Amino acid sequence: QKGAGWARVHAFTFGTRLTNITRHLAQ
């Protein structure tokens, strides 16, 4: 969303290990 105010949104998932999915949510 443009103009929401956040400098950047970073997203991580975890269960048994940590995964960075930030670049996937940019689609």
mmCIF file of all heavy atoms, coordinates in Angstrom:
data_MODEL
# 
_entry.id   MODEL 
# 
loop_
_atom_site.group_PDB 
_atom_site.id 
_atom_site.type_symbol 
_atom_site.label_atom_id 
_atom_site.label_alt_id 
_atom_site.label_comp_id 
_atom_site.label_asym_id 
_atom_site.label_entity_id 
_atom_site.label_seq_id 
_atom_site.pdbx_PDB_ins_code 
_atom_site.Cartn_x 
_atom_site.Cartn_y 
_atom_site.Cartn_z 
_atom_site.occupancy 
_atom_site.B_iso_or_equiv 
_atom_site.pdbx_formal_charge 
_atom_site.auth_seq_id 
_atom_site.auth_comp_id 
_atom_site.auth_asym_id 
_atom_site.auth_atom_id 
_atom_site.pdbx_PDB_model_num 
ATOM 1   N N   . GLN A 1 1  ? 0.836  -1.188  0.000  1.00 0.00 ? 1  GLN A N   1 
ATOM 2   C CA  . GLN A 1 1  ? 0.000  0.000   0.000  1.00 0.00 ? 1  GLN A CA  1 
ATOM 3   C C   . GLN A 1 1  ? 0.880  1.250   0.000  1.00 0.00 ? 1  GLN A C   1 
ATOM 4   O O   . GLN A 1 1  ? 1.727  1.437   0.871  1.00 0.00 ? 1  GLN A O   1 
ATOM 5   C CB  . GLN A 1 1  ? -0.933 0.029   1.213  1.00 0.00 ? 1  GLN A CB  1 
ATOM 6   C CG  . GLN A 1 1  ? -1.914 1.179   1.179  1.00 0.00 ? 1  GLN A CG  1 
ATOM 7   C CD  . GLN A 1 1  ? -2.848 1.139   2.361  1.00 0.00 ? 1  GLN A CD  1 
ATOM 8   O OE1 . GLN A 1 1  ? -2.564 0.454   3.334  1.00 0.00 ? 1  GLN A OE1 1 
ATOM 9   N NE2 . GLN A 1 1  ? -3.931 1.868   2.284  1.00 0.00 ? 1  GLN A NE2 1 
ATOM 10  N N   . LYS A 1 2  ? 0.670  2.111   -0.974 1.00 0.00 ? 2  LYS A N   1 
ATOM 11  C CA  . LYS A 1 2  ? 1.459  3.332   -1.084 1.00 0.00 ? 2  LYS A CA  1 
ATOM 12  C C   . LYS A 1 2  ? 0.937  4.371   -0.097 1.00 0.00 ? 2  LYS A C   1 
ATOM 13  O O   . LYS A 1 2  ? -0.256 4.533   0.080  1.00 0.00 ? 2  LYS A O   1 
ATOM 14  C CB  . LYS A 1 2  ? 1.391  3.879   -2.508 1.00 0.00 ? 2  LYS A CB  1 
ATOM 15  C CG  . LYS A 1 2  ? 2.013  2.950   -3.550 1.00 0.00 ? 2  LYS A CG  1 
ATOM 16  C CD  . LYS A 1 2  ? 1.942  3.560   -4.933 1.00 0.00 ? 2  LYS A CD  1 
ATOM 17  C CE  . LYS A 1 2  ? 2.589  2.638   -5.967 1.00 0.00 ? 2  LYS A CE  1 
ATOM 18  N NZ  . LYS A 1 2  ? 2.534  3.221   -7.322 1.00 0.00 ? 2  LYS A NZ  1 
ATOM 19  N N   . GLY A 1 3  ? 1.864  5.075   0.508  1.00 0.00 ? 3  GLY A N   1 
ATOM 20  C CA  . GLY A 1 3  ? 1.490  6.140   1.426  1.00 0.00 ? 3  GLY A CA  1 
ATOM 21  C C   . GLY A 1 3  ? 1.025  5.657   2.778  1.00 0.00 ? 3  GLY A C   1 
ATOM 22  O O   . GLY A 1 3  ? 0.396  6.406   3.524  1.00 0.00 ? 3  GLY A O   1 
ATOM 23  N N   . ALA A 1 4  ? 1.298  4.391   3.135  1.00 0.00 ? 4  ALA A N   1 
ATOM 24  C CA  . ALA A 1 4  ? 0.872  3.872   4.431  1.00 0.00 ? 4  ALA A CA  1 
ATOM 25  C C   . ALA A 1 4  ? 1.711  4.428   5.573  1.00 0.00 ? 4  ALA A C   1 
ATOM 26  O O   . ALA A 1 4  ? 1.277  4.424   6.721  1.00 0.00 ? 4  ALA A O   1 
ATOM 27  C CB  . ALA A 1 4  ? 0.932  2.349   4.440  1.00 0.00 ? 4  ALA A CB  1 
ATOM 28  N N   . GLY A 1 5  ? 2.933  4.910   5.257  1.00 0.00 ? 5  GLY A N   1 
ATOM 29  C CA  . GLY A 1 5  ? 3.752  5.527   6.286  1.00 0.00 ? 5  GLY A CA  1 
ATOM 30  C C   . GLY A 1 5  ? 4.945  4.714   6.715  1.00 0.00 ? 5  GLY A C   1 
ATOM 31  O O   . GLY A 1 5  ? 5.888  5.265   7.273  1.00 0.00 ? 5  GLY A O   1 
ATOM 32  N N   . TRP A 1 6  ? 4.959  3.410   6.463  1.00 0.00 ? 6  TRP A N   1 
ATOM 33  C CA  . TRP A 1 6  ? 6.084  2.579   6.898  1.00 0.00 ? 6  TRP A CA  1 
ATOM 34  C C   . TRP A 1 6  ? 7.263  2.783   5.966  1.00 0.00 ? 6  TRP A C   1 
ATOM 35  O O   . TRP A 1 6  ? 7.116  2.851   4.747  1.00 0.00 ? 6  TRP A O   1 
ATOM 36  C CB  . TRP A 1 6  ? 5.679  1.109   6.900  1.00 0.00 ? 6  TRP A CB  1 
ATOM 37  C CG  . TRP A 1 6  ? 4.580  0.799   7.854  1.00 0.00 ? 6  TRP A CG  1 
ATOM 38  C CD1 . TRP A 1 6  ? 3.266  0.596   7.545  1.00 0.00 ? 6  TRP A CD1 1 
ATOM 39  C CD2 . TRP A 1 6  ? 4.685  0.671   9.277  1.00 0.00 ? 6  TRP A CD2 1 
ATOM 40  N NE1 . TRP A 1 6  ? 2.549  0.342   8.680  1.00 0.00 ? 6  TRP A NE1 1 
ATOM 41  C CE2 . TRP A 1 6  ? 3.392  0.384   9.771  1.00 0.00 ? 6  TRP A CE2 1 
ATOM 42  C CE3 . TRP A 1 6  ? 5.730  0.778   10.178 1.00 0.00 ? 6  TRP A CE3 1 
ATOM 43  C CZ2 . TRP A 1 6  ? 3.124  0.202   11.112 1.00 0.00 ? 6  TRP A CZ2 1 
ATOM 44  C CZ3 . TRP A 1 6  ? 5.470  0.594   11.529 1.00 0.00 ? 6  TRP A CZ3 1 
ATOM 45  C CH2 . TRP A 1 6  ? 4.184  0.305   11.979 1.00 0.00 ? 6  TRP A CH2 1 
ATOM 46  N N   . ALA A 1 7  ? 8.461  2.888   6.564  1.00 0.00 ? 7  ALA A N   1 
ATOM 47  C CA  . ALA A 1 7  ? 9.659  2.997   5.740  1.00 0.00 ? 7  ALA A CA  1 
ATOM 48  C C   . ALA A 1 7  ? 9.852  1.728   4.922  1.00 0.00 ? 7  ALA A C   1 
ATOM 49  O O   . ALA A 1 7  ? 10.164 1.772   3.723  1.00 0.00 ? 7  ALA A O   1 
ATOM 50  C CB  . ALA A 1 7  ? 10.879 3.259   6.615  1.00 0.00 ? 7  ALA A CB  1 
ATOM 51  N N   . ARG A 1 8  ? 9.666  0.567   5.556  1.00 0.00 ? 8  ARG A N   1 
ATOM 52  C CA  . ARG A 1 8  ? 9.734  -0.716  4.867  1.00 0.00 ? 8  ARG A CA  1 
ATOM 53  C C   . ARG A 1 8  ? 9.067  -1.763  5.729  1.00 0.00 ? 8  ARG A C   1 
ATOM 54  O O   . ARG A 1 8  ? 9.039  -1.629  6.950  1.00 0.00 ? 8  ARG A O   1 
ATOM 55  C CB  . ARG A 1 8  ? 11.186 -1.111  4.583  1.00 0.00 ? 8  ARG A CB  1 
ATOM 56  C CG  . ARG A 1 8  ? 11.289 -2.296  3.620  1.00 0.00 ? 8  ARG A CG  1 
ATOM 57  C CD  . ARG A 1 8  ? 12.687 -2.562  3.165  1.00 0.00 ? 8  ARG A CD  1 
ATOM 58  N NE  . ARG A 1 8  ? 12.717 -3.683  2.224  1.00 0.00 ? 8  ARG A NE  1 
ATOM 59  C CZ  . ARG A 1 8  ? 13.820 -4.217  1.737  1.00 0.00 ? 8  ARG A CZ  1 
ATOM 60  N NH1 . ARG A 1 8  ? 14.996 -3.737  2.087  1.00 0.00 ? 8  ARG A NH1 1 
ATOM 61  N NH2 . ARG A 1 8  ? 13.759 -5.224  0.886  1.00 0.00 ? 8  ARG A NH2 1 
ATOM 62  N N   . VAL A 1 9  ? 8.532  -2.777  5.081  1.00 0.00 ? 9  VAL A N   1 
ATOM 63  C CA  . VAL A 1 9  ? 7.875  -3.878  5.778  1.00 0.00 ? 9  VAL A CA  1 
ATOM 64  C C   . VAL A 1 9  ? 8.702  -5.138  5.557  1.00 0.00 ? 9  VAL A C   1 
ATOM 65  O O   . VAL A 1 9  ? 8.926  -5.558  4.419  1.00 0.00 ? 9  VAL A O   1 
ATOM 66  C CB  . VAL A 1 9  ? 6.435  -4.080  5.280  1.00 0.00 ? 9  VAL A CB  1 
ATOM 67  C CG1 . VAL A 1 9  ? 5.781  -5.258  5.997  1.00 0.00 ? 9  VAL A CG1 1 
ATOM 68  C CG2 . VAL A 1 9  ? 5.608  -2.817  5.493  1.00 0.00 ? 9  VAL A CG2 1 
ATOM 69  N N   . HIS A 1 10 ? 9.169  -5.729  6.656  1.00 0.00 ? 10 HIS A N   1 
ATOM 70  C CA  . HIS A 1 10 ? 9.932  -6.972  6.602  1.00 0.00 ? 10 HIS A CA  1 
ATOM 71  C C   . HIS A 1 10 ? 9.070  -8.100  7.165  1.00 0.00 ? 10 HIS A C   1 
ATOM 72  O O   . HIS A 1 10 ? 8.400  -7.919  8.194  1.00 0.00 ? 10 HIS A O   1 
ATOM 73  C CB  . HIS A 1 10 ? 11.217 -6.868  7.424  1.00 0.00 ? 10 HIS A CB  1 
ATOM 74  C CG  . HIS A 1 10 ? 12.117 -5.748  7.000  1.00 0.00 ? 10 HIS A CG  1 
ATOM 75  N ND1 . HIS A 1 10 ? 13.072 -5.880  6.021  1.00 0.00 ? 10 HIS A ND1 1 
ATOM 76  C CD2 . HIS A 1 10 ? 12.197 -4.458  7.443  1.00 0.00 ? 10 HIS A CD2 1 
ATOM 77  C CE1 . HIS A 1 10 ? 13.706 -4.739  5.859  1.00 0.00 ? 10 HIS A CE1 1 
ATOM 78  N NE2 . HIS A 1 10 ? 13.205 -3.857  6.717  1.00 0.00 ? 10 HIS A NE2 1 
ATOM 79  N N   . ALA A 1 11 ? 9.099  -9.242  6.516  1.00 0.00 ? 11 ALA A N   1 
ATOM 80  C CA  . ALA A 1 11 ? 8.270  -10.375 6.935  1.00 0.00 ? 11 ALA A CA  1 
ATOM 81  C C   . ALA A 1 11 ? 9.128  -11.620 7.070  1.00 0.00 ? 11 ALA A C   1 
ATOM 82  O O   . ALA A 1 11 ? 9.953  -11.925 6.195  1.00 0.00 ? 11 ALA A O   1 
ATOM 83  C CB  . ALA A 1 11 ? 7.142  -10.622 5.938  1.00 0.00 ? 11 ALA A CB  1 
ATOM 84  N N   . PHE A 1 12 ? 8.919  -12.328 8.176  1.00 0.00 ? 12 PHE A N   1 
ATOM 85  C CA  . PHE A 1 12 ? 9.622  -13.584 8.450  1.00 0.00 ? 12 PHE A CA  1 
ATOM 86  C C   . PHE A 1 12 ? 8.590  -14.613 8.913  1.00 0.00 ? 12 PHE A C   1 
ATOM 87  O O   . PHE A 1 12 ? 7.648  -14.276 9.632  1.00 0.00 ? 12 PHE A O   1 
ATOM 88  C CB  . PHE A 1 12 ? 10.692 -13.410 9.535  1.00 0.00 ? 12 PHE A CB  1 
ATOM 89  C CG  . PHE A 1 12 ? 11.794 -12.465 9.181  1.00 0.00 ? 12 PHE A CG  1 
ATOM 90  C CD1 . PHE A 1 12 ? 11.642 -11.102 9.345  1.00 0.00 ? 12 PHE A CD1 1 
ATOM 91  C CD2 . PHE A 1 12 ? 12.994 -12.950 8.681  1.00 0.00 ? 12 PHE A CD2 1 
ATOM 92  C CE1 . PHE A 1 12 ? 12.661 -10.231 9.023  1.00 0.00 ? 12 PHE A CE1 1 
ATOM 93  C CE2 . PHE A 1 12 ? 14.023 -12.078 8.353  1.00 0.00 ? 12 PHE A CE2 1 
ATOM 94  C CZ  . PHE A 1 12 ? 13.853 -10.714 8.524  1.00 0.00 ? 12 PHE A CZ  1 
ATOM 95  N N   . THR A 1 13 ? 8.779  -15.845 8.491  1.00 0.00 ? 13 THR A N   1 
ATOM 96  C CA  . THR A 1 13 ? 7.961  -16.955 8.983  1.00 0.00 ? 13 THR A CA  1 
ATOM 97  C C   . THR A 1 13 ? 8.855  -17.895 9.778  1.00 0.00 ? 13 THR A C   1 
ATOM 98  O O   . THR A 1 13 ? 10.060 -18.002 9.523  1.00 0.00 ? 13 THR A O   1 
ATOM 99  C CB  . THR A 1 13 ? 7.308  -17.728 7.827  1.00 0.00 ? 13 THR A CB  1 
ATOM 100 O OG1 . THR A 1 13 ? 8.324  -18.279 6.980  1.00 0.00 ? 13 THR A OG1 1 
ATOM 101 C CG2 . THR A 1 13 ? 6.398  -16.810 7.011  1.00 0.00 ? 13 THR A CG2 1 
ATOM 102 N N   . PHE A 1 14 ? 8.246  -18.557 10.741 1.00 0.00 ? 14 PHE A N   1 
ATOM 103 C CA  . PHE A 1 14 ? 9.009  -19.513 11.541 1.00 0.00 ? 14 PHE A CA  1 
ATOM 104 C C   . PHE A 1 14 ? 8.094  -20.635 12.017 1.00 0.00 ? 14 PHE A C   1 
ATOM 105 O O   . PHE A 1 14 ? 6.915  -20.439 12.268 1.00 0.00 ? 14 PHE A O   1 
ATOM 106 C CB  . PHE A 1 14 ? 9.671  -18.827 12.752 1.00 0.00 ? 14 PHE A CB  1 
ATOM 107 C CG  . PHE A 1 14 ? 8.713  -18.299 13.781 1.00 0.00 ? 14 PHE A CG  1 
ATOM 108 C CD1 . PHE A 1 14 ? 8.304  -19.089 14.847 1.00 0.00 ? 14 PHE A CD1 1 
ATOM 109 C CD2 . PHE A 1 14 ? 8.220  -17.008 13.694 1.00 0.00 ? 14 PHE A CD2 1 
ATOM 110 C CE1 . PHE A 1 14 ? 7.424  -18.596 15.795 1.00 0.00 ? 14 PHE A CE1 1 
ATOM 111 C CE2 . PHE A 1 14 ? 7.341  -16.511 14.637 1.00 0.00 ? 14 PHE A CE2 1 
ATOM 112 C CZ  . PHE A 1 14 ? 6.942  -17.306 15.693 1.00 0.00 ? 14 PHE A CZ  1 
ATOM 113 N N   . GLY A 1 15 ? 8.664  -21.796 12.059 1.00 0.00 ? 15 GLY A N   1 
ATOM 114 C CA  . GLY A 1 15 ? 8.032  -22.979 12.626 1.00 0.00 ? 15 GLY A CA  1 
ATOM 115 C C   . GLY A 1 15 ? 9.116  -23.761 13.347 1.00 0.00 ? 15 GLY A C   1 
ATOM 116 O O   . GLY A 1 15 ? 9.300  -23.658 14.544 1.00 0.00 ? 15 GLY A O   1 
ATOM 117 N N   . THR A 1 16 ? 9.857  -24.523 12.536 1.00 0.00 ? 16 THR A N   1 
ATOM 118 C CA  . THR A 1 16 ? 11.055 -25.166 13.053 1.00 0.00 ? 16 THR A CA  1 
ATOM 119 C C   . THR A 1 16 ? 12.319 -24.441 12.617 1.00 0.00 ? 16 THR A C   1 
ATOM 120 O O   . THR A 1 16 ? 13.400 -24.748 13.092 1.00 0.00 ? 16 THR A O   1 
ATOM 121 C CB  . THR A 1 16 ? 11.126 -26.623 12.566 1.00 0.00 ? 16 THR A CB  1 
ATOM 122 O OG1 . THR A 1 16 ? 11.054 -26.645 11.129 1.00 0.00 ? 16 THR A OG1 1 
ATOM 123 C CG2 . THR A 1 16 ? 9.963  -27.419 13.131 1.00 0.00 ? 16 THR A CG2 1 
ATOM 124 N N   . ARG A 1 17 ? 12.187 -23.470 11.685 1.00 0.00 ? 17 ARG A N   1 
ATOM 125 C CA  . ARG A 1 17 ? 13.317 -22.656 11.266 1.00 0.00 ? 17 ARG A CA  1 
ATOM 126 C C   . ARG A 1 17 ? 12.802 -21.305 10.784 1.00 0.00 ? 17 ARG A C   1 
ATOM 127 O O   . ARG A 1 17 ? 11.612 -21.145 10.485 1.00 0.00 ? 17 ARG A O   1 
ATOM 128 C CB  . ARG A 1 17 ? 14.118 -23.342 10.156 1.00 0.00 ? 17 ARG A CB  1 
ATOM 129 C CG  . ARG A 1 17 ? 13.369 -23.472 8.835  1.00 0.00 ? 17 ARG A CG  1 
ATOM 130 C CD  . ARG A 1 17 ? 14.242 -24.133 7.783  1.00 0.00 ? 17 ARG A CD  1 
ATOM 131 N NE  . ARG A 1 17 ? 13.596 -24.142 6.468  1.00 0.00 ? 17 ARG A NE  1 
ATOM 132 C CZ  . ARG A 1 17 ? 14.198 -24.589 5.372  1.00 0.00 ? 17 ARG A CZ  1 
ATOM 133 N NH1 . ARG A 1 17 ? 15.428 -25.067 5.443  1.00 0.00 ? 17 ARG A NH1 1 
ATOM 134 N NH2 . ARG A 1 17 ? 13.564 -24.570 4.221  1.00 0.00 ? 17 ARG A NH2 1 
ATOM 135 N N   . LEU A 1 18 ? 13.701 -20.333 10.698 1.00 0.00 ? 18 LEU A N   1 
ATOM 136 C CA  . LEU A 1 18 ? 13.343 -18.963 10.322 1.00 0.00 ? 18 LEU A CA  1 
ATOM 137 C C   . LEU A 1 18 ? 13.530 -18.779 8.817  1.00 0.00 ? 18 LEU A C   1 
ATOM 138 O O   . LEU A 1 18 ? 14.536 -19.213 8.249  1.00 0.00 ? 18 LEU A O   1 
ATOM 139 C CB  . LEU A 1 18 ? 14.213 -17.969 11.084 1.00 0.00 ? 18 LEU A CB  1 
ATOM 140 C CG  . LEU A 1 18 ? 13.904 -16.486 10.878 1.00 0.00 ? 18 LEU A CG  1 
ATOM 141 C CD1 . LEU A 1 18 ? 12.601 -16.112 11.568 1.00 0.00 ? 18 LEU A CD1 1 
ATOM 142 C CD2 . LEU A 1 18 ? 15.050 -15.623 11.411 1.00 0.00 ? 18 LEU A CD2 1 
ATOM 143 N N   . THR A 1 19 ? 12.550 -18.108 8.171  1.00 0.00 ? 19 THR A N   1 
ATOM 144 C CA  . THR A 1 19 ? 12.596 -17.867 6.726  1.00 0.00 ? 19 THR A CA  1 
ATOM 145 C C   . THR A 1 19 ? 12.224 -16.422 6.449  1.00 0.00 ? 19 THR A C   1 
ATOM 146 O O   . THR A 1 19 ? 11.205 -15.935 6.945  1.00 0.00 ? 19 THR A O   1 
ATOM 147 C CB  . THR A 1 19 ? 11.637 -18.803 5.974  1.00 0.00 ? 19 THR A CB  1 
ATOM 148 O OG1 . THR A 1 19 ? 11.913 -20.161 6.322  1.00 0.00 ? 19 THR A OG1 1 
ATOM 149 C CG2 . THR A 1 19 ? 11.781 -18.623 4.477  1.00 0.00 ? 19 THR A CG2 1 
ATOM 150 N N   . ASN A 1 20 ? 13.028 -15.747 5.650  1.00 0.00 ? 20 ASN A N   1 
ATOM 151 C CA  . ASN A 1 20 ? 12.765 -14.365 5.250  1.00 0.00 ? 20 ASN A CA  1 
ATOM 152 C C   . ASN A 1 20 ? 11.945 -14.376 3.956  1.00 0.00 ? 20 ASN A C   1 
ATOM 153 O O   . ASN A 1 20 ? 12.417 -14.850 2.916  1.00 0.00 ? 20 ASN A O   1 
ATOM 154 C CB  . ASN A 1 20 ? 14.081 -13.616 5.040  1.00 0.00 ? 20 ASN A CB  1 
ATOM 155 C CG  . ASN A 1 20 ? 13.868 -12.134 4.793  1.00 0.00 ? 20 ASN A CG  1 
ATOM 156 O OD1 . ASN A 1 20 ? 12.740 -11.661 4.686  1.00 0.00 ? 20 ASN A OD1 1 
ATOM 157 N ND2 . ASN A 1 20 ? 14.956 -11.384 4.698  1.00 0.00 ? 20 ASN A ND2 1 
ATOM 158 N N   . ILE A 1 21 ? 10.724 -13.853 3.998  1.00 0.00 ? 21 ILE A N   1 
ATOM 159 C CA  . ILE A 1 21 ? 9.842  -13.826 2.816  1.00 0.00 ? 21 ILE A CA  1 
ATOM 160 C C   . ILE A 1 21 ? 9.551  -12.392 2.394  1.00 0.00 ? 21 ILE A C   1 
ATOM 161 O O   . ILE A 1 21 ? 8.554  -12.143 1.708  1.00 0.00 ? 21 ILE A O   1 
ATOM 162 C CB  . ILE A 1 21 ? 8.530  -14.582 3.099  1.00 0.00 ? 21 ILE A CB  1 
ATOM 163 C CG1 . ILE A 1 21 ? 7.771  -13.938 4.266  1.00 0.00 ? 21 ILE A CG1 1 
ATOM 164 C CG2 . ILE A 1 21 ? 8.795  -16.054 3.388  1.00 0.00 ? 21 ILE A CG2 1 
ATOM 165 C CD1 . ILE A 1 21 ? 6.361  -14.469 4.433  1.00 0.00 ? 21 ILE A CD1 1 
ATOM 166 N N   . THR A 1 22 ? 10.403 -11.454 2.765  1.00 0.00 ? 22 THR A N   1 
ATOM 167 C CA  . THR A 1 22 ? 10.149 -10.043 2.455  1.00 0.00 ? 22 THR A CA  1 
ATOM 168 C C   . THR A 1 22 ? 10.068 -9.809  0.957  1.00 0.00 ? 22 THR A C   1 
ATOM 169 O O   . THR A 1 22 ? 9.142  -9.123  0.464  1.00 0.00 ? 22 THR A O   1 
ATOM 170 C CB  . THR A 1 22 ? 11.251 -9.170  3.070  1.00 0.00 ? 22 THR A CB  1 
ATOM 171 O OG1 . THR A 1 22 ? 11.302 -9.399  4.480  1.00 0.00 ? 22 THR A OG1 1 
ATOM 172 C CG2 . THR A 1 22 ? 10.990 -7.704  2.814  1.00 0.00 ? 22 THR A CG2 1 
ATOM 173 N N   . ARG A 1 23 ? 11.002 -10.328 0.194  1.00 0.00 ? 23 ARG A N   1 
ATOM 174 C CA  . ARG A 1 23 ? 11.011 -10.075 -1.255 1.00 0.00 ? 23 ARG A CA  1 
ATOM 175 C C   . ARG A 1 23 ? 9.844  -10.738 -1.963 1.00 0.00 ? 23 ARG A C   1 
ATOM 176 O O   . ARG A 1 23 ? 9.402  -10.269 -3.015 1.00 0.00 ? 23 ARG A O   1 
ATOM 177 C CB  . ARG A 1 23 ? 12.332 -10.557 -1.860 1.00 0.00 ? 23 ARG A CB  1 
ATOM 178 C CG  . ARG A 1 23 ? 12.597 -12.048 -1.709 1.00 0.00 ? 23 ARG A CG  1 
ATOM 179 C CD  . ARG A 1 23 ? 13.999 -12.394 -2.198 1.00 0.00 ? 23 ARG A CD  1 
ATOM 180 N NE  . ARG A 1 23 ? 14.283 -13.819 -2.077 1.00 0.00 ? 23 ARG A NE  1 
ATOM 181 C CZ  . ARG A 1 23 ? 14.050 -14.694 -3.033 1.00 0.00 ? 23 ARG A CZ  1 
ATOM 182 N NH1 . ARG A 1 23 ? 13.518 -14.294 -4.181 1.00 0.00 ? 23 ARG A NH1 1 
ATOM 183 N NH2 . ARG A 1 23 ? 14.341 -15.980 -2.857 1.00 0.00 ? 23 ARG A NH2 1 
ATOM 184 N N   . HIS A 1 24 ? 9.304  -11.806 -1.397 1.00 0.00 ? 24 HIS A N   1 
ATOM 185 C CA  . HIS A 1 24 ? 8.150  -12.451 -2.026 1.00 0.00 ? 24 HIS A CA  1 
ATOM 186 C C   . HIS A 1 24 ? 6.888  -11.616 -1.847 1.00 0.00 ? 24 HIS A C   1 
ATOM 187 O O   . HIS A 1 24 ? 6.044  -11.555 -2.753 1.00 0.00 ? 24 HIS A O   1 
ATOM 188 C CB  . HIS A 1 24 ? 7.944  -13.845 -1.435 1.00 0.00 ? 24 HIS A CB  1 
ATOM 189 C CG  . HIS A 1 24 ? 9.112  -14.754 -1.629 1.00 0.00 ? 24 HIS A CG  1 
ATOM 190 N ND1 . HIS A 1 24 ? 9.617  -15.071 -2.868 1.00 0.00 ? 24 HIS A ND1 1 
ATOM 191 C CD2 . HIS A 1 24 ? 9.891  -15.414 -0.734 1.00 0.00 ? 24 HIS A CD2 1 
ATOM 192 C CE1 . HIS A 1 24 ? 10.647 -15.892 -2.745 1.00 0.00 ? 24 HIS A CE1 1 
ATOM 193 N NE2 . HIS A 1 24 ? 10.835 -16.113 -1.452 1.00 0.00 ? 24 HIS A NE2 1 
ATOM 194 N N   . LEU A 1 25 ? 6.743  -10.955 -0.692 1.00 0.00 ? 25 LEU A N   1 
ATOM 195 C CA  . LEU A 1 25 ? 5.562  -10.123 -0.474 1.00 0.00 ? 25 LEU A CA  1 
ATOM 196 C C   . LEU A 1 25 ? 5.588  -8.849  -1.297 1.00 0.00 ? 25 LEU A C   1 
ATOM 197 O O   . LEU A 1 25 ? 4.587  -8.140  -1.365 1.00 0.00 ? 25 LEU A O   1 
ATOM 198 C CB  . LEU A 1 25 ? 5.440  -9.765  1.013  1.00 0.00 ? 25 LEU A CB  1 
ATOM 199 C CG  . LEU A 1 25 ? 5.108  -10.916 1.964  1.00 0.00 ? 25 LEU A CG  1 
ATOM 200 C CD1 . LEU A 1 25 ? 4.896  -10.388 3.368  1.00 0.00 ? 25 LEU A CD1 1 
ATOM 201 C CD2 . LEU A 1 25 ? 3.870  -11.673 1.504  1.00 0.00 ? 25 LEU A CD2 1 
ATOM 202 N N   . ALA A 1 26 ? 6.713  -8.527  -1.931 1.00 0.00 ? 26 ALA A N   1 
ATOM 203 C CA  . ALA A 1 26 ? 6.775  -7.343  -2.780 1.00 0.00 ? 26 ALA A CA  1 
ATOM 204 C C   . ALA A 1 26 ? 6.017  -7.526  -4.092 1.00 0.00 ? 26 ALA A C   1 
ATOM 205 O O   . ALA A 1 26 ? 5.749  -6.543  -4.799 1.00 0.00 ? 26 ALA A O   1 
ATOM 206 C CB  . ALA A 1 26 ? 8.233  -6.989  -3.070 1.00 0.00 ? 26 ALA A CB  1 
ATOM 207 N N   . GLN A 1 27 ? 5.664  -8.749  -4.438 1.00 0.00 ? 27 GLN A N   1 
ATOM 208 C CA  . GLN A 1 27 ? 4.883  -8.979  -5.657 1.00 0.00 ? 27 GLN A CA  1 
ATOM 209 C C   . GLN A 1 27 ? 3.475  -8.428  -5.493 1.00 0.00 ? 27 GLN A C   1 
ATOM 210 O O   . GLN A 1 27 ? 2.864  -8.541  -4.435 1.00 0.00 ? 27 GLN A O   1 
ATOM 211 C CB  . GLN A 1 27 ? 4.825  -10.471 -5.978 1.00 0.00 ? 27 GLN A CB  1 
ATOM 212 C CG  . GLN A 1 27 ? 6.182  -11.125 -6.168 1.00 0.00 ? 27 GLN A CG  1 
ATOM 213 C CD  . GLN A 1 27 ? 6.073  -12.576 -6.564 1.00 0.00 ? 27 GLN A CD  1 
ATOM 214 O OE1 . GLN A 1 27 ? 5.205  -12.947 -7.351 1.00 0.00 ? 27 GLN A OE1 1 
ATOM 215 N NE2 . GLN A 1 27 ? 6.960  -13.412 -6.027 1.00 0.00 ? 27 GLN A NE2 1 
# 
